mmCIF file of all heavy atoms, coordinates in Angstrom:
data_MODEL
# 
_entry.id   MODEL 
# 
loop_
_atom_site.group_PDB 
_atom_site.id 
_atom_site.type_symbol 
_atom_site.label_atom_id 
_atom_site.label_alt_id 
_atom_site.label_comp_id 
_atom_site.label_asym_id 
_atom_site.label_entity_id 
_atom_site.label_seq_id 
_atom_site.pdbx_PDB_ins_code 
_atom_site.Cartn_x 
_atom_site.Cartn_y 
_atom_site.Cartn_z 
_atom_site.occupancy 
_atom_site.B_iso_or_equiv 
_atom_site.pdbx_formal_charge 
_atom_site.auth_seq_id 
_atom_site.auth_comp_id 
_atom_site.auth_asym_id 
_atom_site.auth_atom_id 
_atom_site.pdbx_PDB_model_num 
ATOM 1   N N   . ALA A 1 1  ? 114.641 39.138 -40.873 1.00 0.00 ? 1  ALA A N   1 
ATOM 2   C CA  . ALA A 1 1  ? 114.195 38.543 -39.614 1.00 0.00 ? 1  ALA A CA  1 
ATOM 3   C C   . ALA A 1 1  ? 115.121 37.403 -39.193 1.00 0.00 ? 1  ALA A C   1 
ATOM 4   O O   . ALA A 1 1  ? 115.436 37.238 -38.003 1.00 0.00 ? 1  ALA A O   1 
ATOM 5   C CB  . ALA A 1 1  ? 112.762 38.032 -39.765 1.00 0.00 ? 1  ALA A CB  1 
ATOM 6   N N   . HIS A 1 2  ? 115.580 36.639 -40.150 1.00 0.00 ? 2  HIS A N   1 
ATOM 7   C CA  . HIS A 1 2  ? 116.460 35.514 -39.859 1.00 0.00 ? 2  HIS A CA  1 
ATOM 8   C C   . HIS A 1 2  ? 117.841 35.992 -39.414 1.00 0.00 ? 2  HIS A C   1 
ATOM 9   O O   . HIS A 1 2  ? 118.381 35.531 -38.408 1.00 0.00 ? 2  HIS A O   1 
ATOM 10  C CB  . HIS A 1 2  ? 116.581 34.621 -41.096 1.00 0.00 ? 2  HIS A CB  1 
ATOM 11  C CG  . HIS A 1 2  ? 117.499 33.455 -40.910 1.00 0.00 ? 2  HIS A CG  1 
ATOM 12  N ND1 . HIS A 1 2  ? 118.849 33.507 -41.261 1.00 0.00 ? 2  HIS A ND1 1 
ATOM 13  C CD2 . HIS A 1 2  ? 117.302 32.219 -40.397 1.00 0.00 ? 2  HIS A CD2 1 
ATOM 14  C CE1 . HIS A 1 2  ? 119.410 32.356 -40.984 1.00 0.00 ? 2  HIS A CE1 1 
ATOM 15  N NE2 . HIS A 1 2  ? 118.503 31.550 -40.461 1.00 0.00 ? 2  HIS A NE2 1 
ATOM 16  N N   . ASP A 1 3  ? 118.412 36.945 -40.169 1.00 0.00 ? 3  ASP A N   1 
ATOM 17  C CA  . ASP A 1 3  ? 119.792 37.362 -39.894 1.00 0.00 ? 3  ASP A CA  1 
ATOM 18  C C   . ASP A 1 3  ? 119.896 38.283 -38.688 1.00 0.00 ? 3  ASP A C   1 
ATOM 19  O O   . ASP A 1 3  ? 120.819 38.139 -37.872 1.00 0.00 ? 3  ASP A O   1 
ATOM 20  C CB  . ASP A 1 3  ? 120.376 38.062 -41.130 1.00 0.00 ? 3  ASP A CB  1 
ATOM 21  C CG  . ASP A 1 3  ? 120.487 37.126 -42.323 1.00 0.00 ? 3  ASP A CG  1 
ATOM 22  O OD1 . ASP A 1 3  ? 120.375 35.903 -42.119 1.00 0.00 ? 3  ASP A OD1 1 
ATOM 23  O OD2 . ASP A 1 3  ? 120.665 37.613 -43.458 1.00 0.00 ? 3  ASP A OD2 1 
ATOM 24  N N   . ARG A 1 4  ? 118.970 39.223 -38.563 1.00 0.00 ? 4  ARG A N   1 
ATOM 25  C CA  . ARG A 1 4  ? 119.112 40.257 -37.541 1.00 0.00 ? 4  ARG A CA  1 
ATOM 26  C C   . ARG A 1 4  ? 118.400 39.910 -36.232 1.00 0.00 ? 4  ARG A C   1 
ATOM 27  O O   . ARG A 1 4  ? 118.742 40.472 -35.188 1.00 0.00 ? 4  ARG A O   1 
ATOM 28  C CB  . ARG A 1 4  ? 118.577 41.585 -38.068 1.00 0.00 ? 4  ARG A CB  1 
ATOM 29  C CG  . ARG A 1 4  ? 119.327 42.074 -39.300 1.00 0.00 ? 4  ARG A CG  1 
ATOM 30  C CD  . ARG A 1 4  ? 118.782 43.392 -39.777 1.00 0.00 ? 4  ARG A CD  1 
ATOM 31  N NE  . ARG A 1 4  ? 119.471 43.870 -40.985 1.00 0.00 ? 4  ARG A NE  1 
ATOM 32  C CZ  . ARG A 1 4  ? 119.164 45.004 -41.624 1.00 0.00 ? 4  ARG A CZ  1 
ATOM 33  N NH1 . ARG A 1 4  ? 118.191 45.776 -41.166 1.00 0.00 ? 4  ARG A NH1 1 
ATOM 34  N NH2 . ARG A 1 4  ? 119.817 45.345 -42.712 1.00 0.00 ? 4  ARG A NH2 1 
ATOM 35  N N   . LEU A 1 5  ? 117.419 39.036 -36.291 1.00 0.00 ? 5  LEU A N   1 
ATOM 36  C CA  . LEU A 1 5  ? 116.664 38.705 -35.079 1.00 0.00 ? 5  LEU A CA  1 
ATOM 37  C C   . LEU A 1 5  ? 116.970 37.288 -34.614 1.00 0.00 ? 5  LEU A C   1 
ATOM 38  O O   . LEU A 1 5  ? 117.513 37.084 -33.525 1.00 0.00 ? 5  LEU A O   1 
ATOM 39  C CB  . LEU A 1 5  ? 115.164 38.867 -35.330 1.00 0.00 ? 5  LEU A CB  1 
ATOM 40  C CG  . LEU A 1 5  ? 114.245 38.542 -34.144 1.00 0.00 ? 5  LEU A CG  1 
ATOM 41  C CD1 . LEU A 1 5  ? 114.531 39.484 -32.982 1.00 0.00 ? 5  LEU A CD1 1 
ATOM 42  C CD2 . LEU A 1 5  ? 112.779 38.632 -34.562 1.00 0.00 ? 5  LEU A CD2 1 
ATOM 43  N N   . LEU A 1 6  ? 116.641 36.301 -35.448 1.00 0.00 ? 6  LEU A N   1 
ATOM 44  C CA  . LEU A 1 6  ? 116.779 34.915 -35.017 1.00 0.00 ? 6  LEU A CA  1 
ATOM 45  C C   . LEU A 1 6  ? 118.238 34.528 -34.789 1.00 0.00 ? 6  LEU A C   1 
ATOM 46  O O   . LEU A 1 6  ? 118.616 34.080 -33.705 1.00 0.00 ? 6  LEU A O   1 
ATOM 47  C CB  . LEU A 1 6  ? 116.134 34.000 -36.063 1.00 0.00 ? 6  LEU A CB  1 
ATOM 48  C CG  . LEU A 1 6  ? 116.145 32.517 -35.735 1.00 0.00 ? 6  LEU A CG  1 
ATOM 49  C CD1 . LEU A 1 6  ? 115.339 32.250 -34.465 1.00 0.00 ? 6  LEU A CD1 1 
ATOM 50  C CD2 . LEU A 1 6  ? 115.565 31.710 -36.897 1.00 0.00 ? 6  LEU A CD2 1 
ATOM 51  N N   . ARG A 1 7  ? 119.085 34.715 -35.798 1.00 0.00 ? 7  ARG A N   1 
ATOM 52  C CA  . ARG A 1 7  ? 120.470 34.282 -35.676 1.00 0.00 ? 7  ARG A CA  1 
ATOM 53  C C   . ARG A 1 7  ? 121.225 35.105 -34.643 1.00 0.00 ? 7  ARG A C   1 
ATOM 54  O O   . ARG A 1 7  ? 122.005 34.581 -33.840 1.00 0.00 ? 7  ARG A O   1 
ATOM 55  C CB  . ARG A 1 7  ? 121.154 34.382 -37.044 1.00 0.00 ? 7  ARG A CB  1 
ATOM 56  C CG  . ARG A 1 7  ? 122.529 33.735 -37.088 1.00 0.00 ? 7  ARG A CG  1 
ATOM 57  C CD  . ARG A 1 7  ? 122.951 33.488 -38.521 1.00 0.00 ? 7  ARG A CD  1 
ATOM 58  N NE  . ARG A 1 7  ? 123.017 34.723 -39.284 1.00 0.00 ? 7  ARG A NE  1 
ATOM 59  C CZ  . ARG A 1 7  ? 123.174 34.763 -40.613 1.00 0.00 ? 7  ARG A CZ  1 
ATOM 60  N NH1 . ARG A 1 7  ? 123.275 33.625 -41.296 1.00 0.00 ? 7  ARG A NH1 1 
ATOM 61  N NH2 . ARG A 1 7  ? 123.231 35.902 -41.255 1.00 0.00 ? 7  ARG A NH2 1 
ATOM 62  N N   . THR A 1 8  ? 120.961 36.430 -34.623 1.00 0.00 ? 8  THR A N   1 
ATOM 63  C CA  . THR A 1 8  ? 121.630 37.291 -33.646 1.00 0.00 ? 8  THR A CA  1 
ATOM 64  C C   . THR A 1 8  ? 121.207 36.953 -32.225 1.00 0.00 ? 8  THR A C   1 
ATOM 65  O O   . THR A 1 8  ? 122.039 36.880 -31.311 1.00 0.00 ? 8  THR A O   1 
ATOM 66  C CB  . THR A 1 8  ? 121.315 38.766 -33.947 1.00 0.00 ? 8  THR A CB  1 
ATOM 67  O OG1 . THR A 1 8  ? 121.726 39.064 -35.280 1.00 0.00 ? 8  THR A OG1 1 
ATOM 68  C CG2 . THR A 1 8  ? 122.034 39.681 -32.980 1.00 0.00 ? 8  THR A CG2 1 
ATOM 69  N N   . GLY A 1 9  ? 119.900 36.738 -32.024 1.00 0.00 ? 9  GLY A N   1 
ATOM 70  C CA  . GLY A 1 9  ? 119.418 36.414 -30.693 1.00 0.00 ? 9  GLY A CA  1 
ATOM 71  C C   . GLY A 1 9  ? 119.966 35.102 -30.179 1.00 0.00 ? 9  GLY A C   1 
ATOM 72  O O   . GLY A 1 9  ? 120.339 34.978 -29.002 1.00 0.00 ? 9  GLY A O   1 
ATOM 73  N N   . MET A 1 10 ? 120.032 34.085 -31.042 1.00 0.00 ? 10 MET A N   1 
ATOM 74  C CA  . MET A 1 10 ? 120.579 32.796 -30.620 1.00 0.00 ? 10 MET A CA  1 
ATOM 75  C C   . MET A 1 10 ? 122.058 32.915 -30.257 1.00 0.00 ? 10 MET A C   1 
ATOM 76  O O   . MET A 1 10 ? 122.529 32.273 -29.321 1.00 0.00 ? 10 MET A O   1 
ATOM 77  C CB  . MET A 1 10 ? 120.393 31.767 -31.739 1.00 0.00 ? 10 MET A CB  1 
ATOM 78  C CG  . MET A 1 10 ? 118.934 31.441 -32.050 1.00 0.00 ? 10 MET A CG  1 
ATOM 79  S SD  . MET A 1 10 ? 118.028 30.770 -30.640 1.00 0.00 ? 10 MET A SD  1 
ATOM 80  C CE  . MET A 1 10 ? 118.839 29.193 -30.476 1.00 0.00 ? 10 MET A CE  1 
ATOM 81  N N   . ALA A 1 11 ? 122.788 33.771 -31.016 1.00 0.00 ? 11 ALA A N   1 
ATOM 82  C CA  . ALA A 1 11 ? 124.203 33.974 -30.700 1.00 0.00 ? 11 ALA A CA  1 
ATOM 83  C C   . ALA A 1 11 ? 124.373 34.643 -29.339 1.00 0.00 ? 11 ALA A C   1 
ATOM 84  O O   . ALA A 1 11 ? 125.274 34.303 -28.557 1.00 0.00 ? 11 ALA A O   1 
ATOM 85  C CB  . ALA A 1 11 ? 124.853 34.818 -31.796 1.00 0.00 ? 11 ALA A CB  1 
ATOM 86  N N   . GLN A 1 12 ? 123.474 35.591 -29.032 1.00 0.00 ? 12 GLN A N   1 
ATOM 87  C CA  . GLN A 1 12 ? 123.565 36.274 -27.744 1.00 0.00 ? 12 GLN A CA  1 
ATOM 88  C C   . GLN A 1 12 ? 123.226 35.337 -26.585 1.00 0.00 ? 12 GLN A C   1 
ATOM 89  O O   . GLN A 1 12 ? 123.808 35.428 -25.500 1.00 0.00 ? 12 GLN A O   1 
ATOM 90  C CB  . GLN A 1 12 ? 122.631 37.482 -27.749 1.00 0.00 ? 12 GLN A CB  1 
ATOM 91  C CG  . GLN A 1 12 ? 123.110 38.595 -28.681 1.00 0.00 ? 12 GLN A CG  1 
ATOM 92  C CD  . GLN A 1 12 ? 122.050 39.659 -28.908 1.00 0.00 ? 12 GLN A CD  1 
ATOM 93  O OE1 . GLN A 1 12 ? 120.881 39.453 -28.608 1.00 0.00 ? 12 GLN A OE1 1 
ATOM 94  N NE2 . GLN A 1 12 ? 122.461 40.802 -29.443 1.00 0.00 ? 12 GLN A NE2 1 
ATOM 95  N N   . LEU A 1 13 ? 122.302 34.418 -26.808 1.00 0.00 ? 13 LEU A N   1 
ATOM 96  C CA  . LEU A 1 13 ? 121.975 33.454 -25.760 1.00 0.00 ? 13 LEU A CA  1 
ATOM 97  C C   . LEU A 1 13 ? 123.116 32.476 -25.507 1.00 0.00 ? 13 LEU A C   1 
ATOM 98  O O   . LEU A 1 13 ? 123.341 32.044 -24.367 1.00 0.00 ? 13 LEU A O   1 
ATOM 99  C CB  . LEU A 1 13 ? 120.710 32.675 -26.165 1.00 0.00 ? 13 LEU A CB  1 
ATOM 100 C CG  . LEU A 1 13 ? 119.376 33.408 -26.035 1.00 0.00 ? 13 LEU A CG  1 
ATOM 101 C CD1 . LEU A 1 13 ? 118.261 32.572 -26.634 1.00 0.00 ? 13 LEU A CD1 1 
ATOM 102 C CD2 . LEU A 1 13 ? 119.068 33.738 -24.584 1.00 0.00 ? 13 LEU A CD2 1 
ATOM 103 N N   . ALA A 1 14 ? 123.834 32.137 -26.587 1.00 0.00 ? 14 ALA A N   1 
ATOM 104 C CA  . ALA A 1 14 ? 124.896 31.139 -26.464 1.00 0.00 ? 14 ALA A CA  1 
ATOM 105 C C   . ALA A 1 14 ? 126.262 31.752 -26.162 1.00 0.00 ? 14 ALA A C   1 
ATOM 106 O O   . ALA A 1 14 ? 127.220 31.027 -25.896 1.00 0.00 ? 14 ALA A O   1 
ATOM 107 C CB  . ALA A 1 14 ? 124.991 30.328 -27.759 1.00 0.00 ? 14 ALA A CB  1 
ATOM 108 N N   . GLY A 1 15 ? 126.372 33.089 -26.197 1.00 0.00 ? 15 GLY A N   1 
ATOM 109 C CA  . GLY A 1 15 ? 127.657 33.744 -26.020 1.00 0.00 ? 15 GLY A CA  1 
ATOM 110 C C   . GLY A 1 15 ? 128.172 33.667 -24.591 1.00 0.00 ? 15 GLY A C   1 
ATOM 111 O O   . GLY A 1 15 ? 127.398 33.526 -23.633 1.00 0.00 ? 15 GLY A O   1 
ATOM 112 N N   . PRO A 1 16 ? 129.481 33.804 -24.417 1.00 0.00 ? 16 PRO A N   1 
ATOM 113 C CA  . PRO A 1 16 ? 130.071 33.742 -23.061 1.00 0.00 ? 16 PRO A CA  1 
ATOM 114 C C   . PRO A 1 16 ? 129.814 35.008 -22.251 1.00 0.00 ? 16 PRO A C   1 
ATOM 115 O O   . PRO A 1 16 ? 129.848 34.979 -21.024 1.00 0.00 ? 16 PRO A O   1 
ATOM 116 C CB  . PRO A 1 16 ? 131.558 33.546 -23.352 1.00 0.00 ? 16 PRO A CB  1 
ATOM 117 C CG  . PRO A 1 16 ? 131.772 34.173 -24.705 1.00 0.00 ? 16 PRO A CG  1 
ATOM 118 C CD  . PRO A 1 16 ? 130.516 33.932 -25.475 1.00 0.00 ? 16 PRO A CD  1 
ATOM 119 N N   . GLU A 1 17 ? 129.599 36.140 -22.936 1.00 0.00 ? 17 GLU A N   1 
ATOM 120 C CA  . GLU A 1 17 ? 129.390 37.406 -22.234 1.00 0.00 ? 17 GLU A CA  1 
ATOM 121 C C   . GLU A 1 17 ? 127.951 37.510 -21.735 1.00 0.00 ? 17 GLU A C   1 
ATOM 122 O O   . GLU A 1 17 ? 127.013 37.085 -22.417 1.00 0.00 ? 17 GLU A O   1 
ATOM 123 C CB  . GLU A 1 17 ? 129.700 38.586 -23.161 1.00 0.00 ? 17 GLU A CB  1 
ATOM 124 C CG  . GLU A 1 17 ? 131.149 38.647 -23.618 1.00 0.00 ? 17 GLU A CG  1 
ATOM 125 C CD  . GLU A 1 17 ? 132.090 38.869 -22.449 1.00 0.00 ? 17 GLU A CD  1 
ATOM 126 O OE1 . GLU A 1 17 ? 131.677 39.546 -21.479 1.00 0.00 ? 17 GLU A OE1 1 
ATOM 127 O OE2 . GLU A 1 17 ? 133.224 38.356 -22.489 1.00 0.00 ? 17 GLU A OE2 1 
ATOM 128 N N   . PRO A 1 18 ? 127.730 38.084 -20.552 1.00 0.00 ? 18 PRO A N   1 
ATOM 129 C CA  . PRO A 1 18 ? 126.361 38.264 -20.043 1.00 0.00 ? 18 PRO A CA  1 
ATOM 130 C C   . PRO A 1 18 ? 125.538 39.126 -20.987 1.00 0.00 ? 18 PRO A C   1 
ATOM 131 O O   . PRO A 1 18 ? 126.037 40.104 -21.560 1.00 0.00 ? 18 PRO A O   1 
ATOM 132 C CB  . PRO A 1 18 ? 126.574 38.972 -18.693 1.00 0.00 ? 18 PRO A CB  1 
ATOM 133 C CG  . PRO A 1 18 ? 127.993 38.664 -18.320 1.00 0.00 ? 18 PRO A CG  1 
ATOM 134 C CD  . PRO A 1 18 ? 128.754 38.573 -19.604 1.00 0.00 ? 18 PRO A CD  1 
ATOM 135 N N   . HIS A 1 19 ? 124.288 38.776 -21.162 1.00 0.00 ? 19 HIS A N   1 
ATOM 136 C CA  . HIS A 1 19 ? 123.409 39.517 -22.061 1.00 0.00 ? 19 HIS A CA  1 
ATOM 137 C C   . HIS A 1 19 ? 121.995 39.534 -21.462 1.00 0.00 ? 19 HIS A C   1 
ATOM 138 O O   . HIS A 1 19 ? 121.581 38.578 -20.787 1.00 0.00 ? 19 HIS A O   1 
ATOM 139 C CB  . HIS A 1 19 ? 123.394 38.866 -23.446 1.00 0.00 ? 19 HIS A CB  1 
ATOM 140 C CG  . HIS A 1 19 ? 122.745 39.727 -24.495 1.00 0.00 ? 19 HIS A CG  1 
ATOM 141 N ND1 . HIS A 1 19 ? 121.390 39.717 -24.714 1.00 0.00 ? 19 HIS A ND1 1 
ATOM 142 C CD2 . HIS A 1 19 ? 123.279 40.632 -25.368 1.00 0.00 ? 19 HIS A CD2 1 
ATOM 143 C CE1 . HIS A 1 19 ? 121.105 40.572 -25.687 1.00 0.00 ? 19 HIS A CE1 1 
ATOM 144 N NE2 . HIS A 1 19 ? 122.227 41.134 -26.105 1.00 0.00 ? 19 HIS A NE2 1 
ATOM 145 N N   . PRO A 1 20 ? 121.227 40.627 -21.678 1.00 0.00 ? 20 PRO A N   1 
ATOM 146 C CA  . PRO A 1 20 ? 119.858 40.684 -21.133 1.00 0.00 ? 20 PRO A CA  1 
ATOM 147 C C   . PRO A 1 20 ? 118.989 39.504 -21.543 1.00 0.00 ? 20 PRO A C   1 
ATOM 148 O O   . PRO A 1 20 ? 118.101 39.084 -20.782 1.00 0.00 ? 20 PRO A O   1 
ATOM 149 C CB  . PRO A 1 20 ? 119.316 42.003 -21.706 1.00 0.00 ? 20 PRO A CB  1 
ATOM 150 C CG  . PRO A 1 20 ? 120.527 42.852 -21.915 1.00 0.00 ? 20 PRO A CG  1 
ATOM 151 C CD  . PRO A 1 20 ? 121.622 41.912 -22.304 1.00 0.00 ? 20 PRO A CD  1 
ATOM 152 N N   . LEU A 1 21 ? 119.205 38.955 -22.729 1.00 0.00 ? 21 LEU A N   1 
ATOM 153 C CA  . LEU A 1 21 ? 118.411 37.808 -23.147 1.00 0.00 ? 21 LEU A CA  1 
ATOM 154 C C   . LEU A 1 21 ? 118.652 36.604 -22.242 1.00 0.00 ? 21 LEU A C   1 
ATOM 155 O O   . LEU A 1 21 ? 117.735 35.841 -21.934 1.00 0.00 ? 21 LEU A O   1 
ATOM 156 C CB  . LEU A 1 21 ? 118.743 37.438 -24.594 1.00 0.00 ? 21 LEU A CB  1 
ATOM 157 C CG  . LEU A 1 21 ? 118.016 38.221 -25.700 1.00 0.00 ? 21 LEU A CG  1 
ATOM 158 C CD1 . LEU A 1 21 ? 118.503 37.767 -27.065 1.00 0.00 ? 21 LEU A CD1 1 
ATOM 159 C CD2 . LEU A 1 21 ? 116.509 38.046 -25.585 1.00 0.00 ? 21 LEU A CD2 1 
ATOM 160 N N   . GLN A 1 22 ? 119.896 36.433 -21.820 1.00 0.00 ? 22 GLN A N   1 
ATOM 161 C CA  . GLN A 1 22 ? 120.210 35.327 -20.926 1.00 0.00 ? 22 GLN A CA  1 
ATOM 162 C C   . GLN A 1 22 ? 119.518 35.501 -19.576 1.00 0.00 ? 22 GLN A C   1 
ATOM 163 O O   . GLN A 1 22 ? 118.980 34.544 -19.000 1.00 0.00 ? 22 GLN A O   1 
ATOM 164 C CB  . GLN A 1 22 ? 121.728 35.222 -20.743 1.00 0.00 ? 22 GLN A CB  1 
ATOM 165 C CG  . GLN A 1 22 ? 122.489 34.854 -22.011 1.00 0.00 ? 22 GLN A CG  1 
ATOM 166 C CD  . GLN A 1 22 ? 123.995 34.891 -21.803 1.00 0.00 ? 22 GLN A CD  1 
ATOM 167 O OE1 . GLN A 1 22 ? 124.486 35.615 -20.942 1.00 0.00 ? 22 GLN A OE1 1 
ATOM 168 N NE2 . GLN A 1 22 ? 124.716 34.115 -22.596 1.00 0.00 ? 22 GLN A NE2 1 
ATOM 169 N N   . ALA A 1 23 ? 119.548 36.746 -19.066 1.00 0.00 ? 23 ALA A N   1 
ATOM 170 C CA  . ALA A 1 23 ? 118.880 37.023 -17.787 1.00 0.00 ? 23 ALA A CA  1 
ATOM 171 C C   . ALA A 1 23 ? 117.375 36.781 -17.883 1.00 0.00 ? 23 ALA A C   1 
ATOM 172 O O   . ALA A 1 23 ? 116.756 36.211 -16.981 1.00 0.00 ? 23 ALA A O   1 
ATOM 173 C CB  . ALA A 1 23 ? 119.166 38.464 -17.355 1.00 0.00 ? 23 ALA A CB  1 
ATOM 174 N N   . ALA A 1 24 ? 116.776 37.204 -19.013 1.00 0.00 ? 24 ALA A N   1 
ATOM 175 C CA  . ALA A 1 24 ? 115.341 36.999 -19.206 1.00 0.00 ? 24 ALA A CA  1 
ATOM 176 C C   . ALA A 1 24 ? 115.015 35.511 -19.281 1.00 0.00 ? 24 ALA A C   1 
ATOM 177 O O   . ALA A 1 24 ? 114.002 35.053 -18.747 1.00 0.00 ? 24 ALA A O   1 
ATOM 178 C CB  . ALA A 1 24 ? 114.886 37.709 -20.477 1.00 0.00 ? 24 ALA A CB  1 
ATOM 179 N N   . SER A 1 25 ? 115.885 34.750 -19.946 1.00 0.00 ? 25 SER A N   1 
ATOM 180 C CA  . SER A 1 25 ? 115.665 33.307 -20.051 1.00 0.00 ? 25 SER A CA  1 
ATOM 181 C C   . SER A 1 25 ? 115.728 32.645 -18.681 1.00 0.00 ? 25 SER A C   1 
ATOM 182 O O   . SER A 1 25 ? 114.912 31.774 -18.362 1.00 0.00 ? 25 SER A O   1 
ATOM 183 C CB  . SER A 1 25 ? 116.709 32.694 -20.994 1.00 0.00 ? 25 SER A CB  1 
ATOM 184 O OG  . SER A 1 25 ? 116.543 31.305 -21.078 1.00 0.00 ? 25 SER A OG  1 
# 
């Protein structure tokens, strides 16, 4: 849960490339 969900999701939110998580936020 930590490696595949929490850490991955935070990286996608902070990444320079557009991601659905950013749009949802």
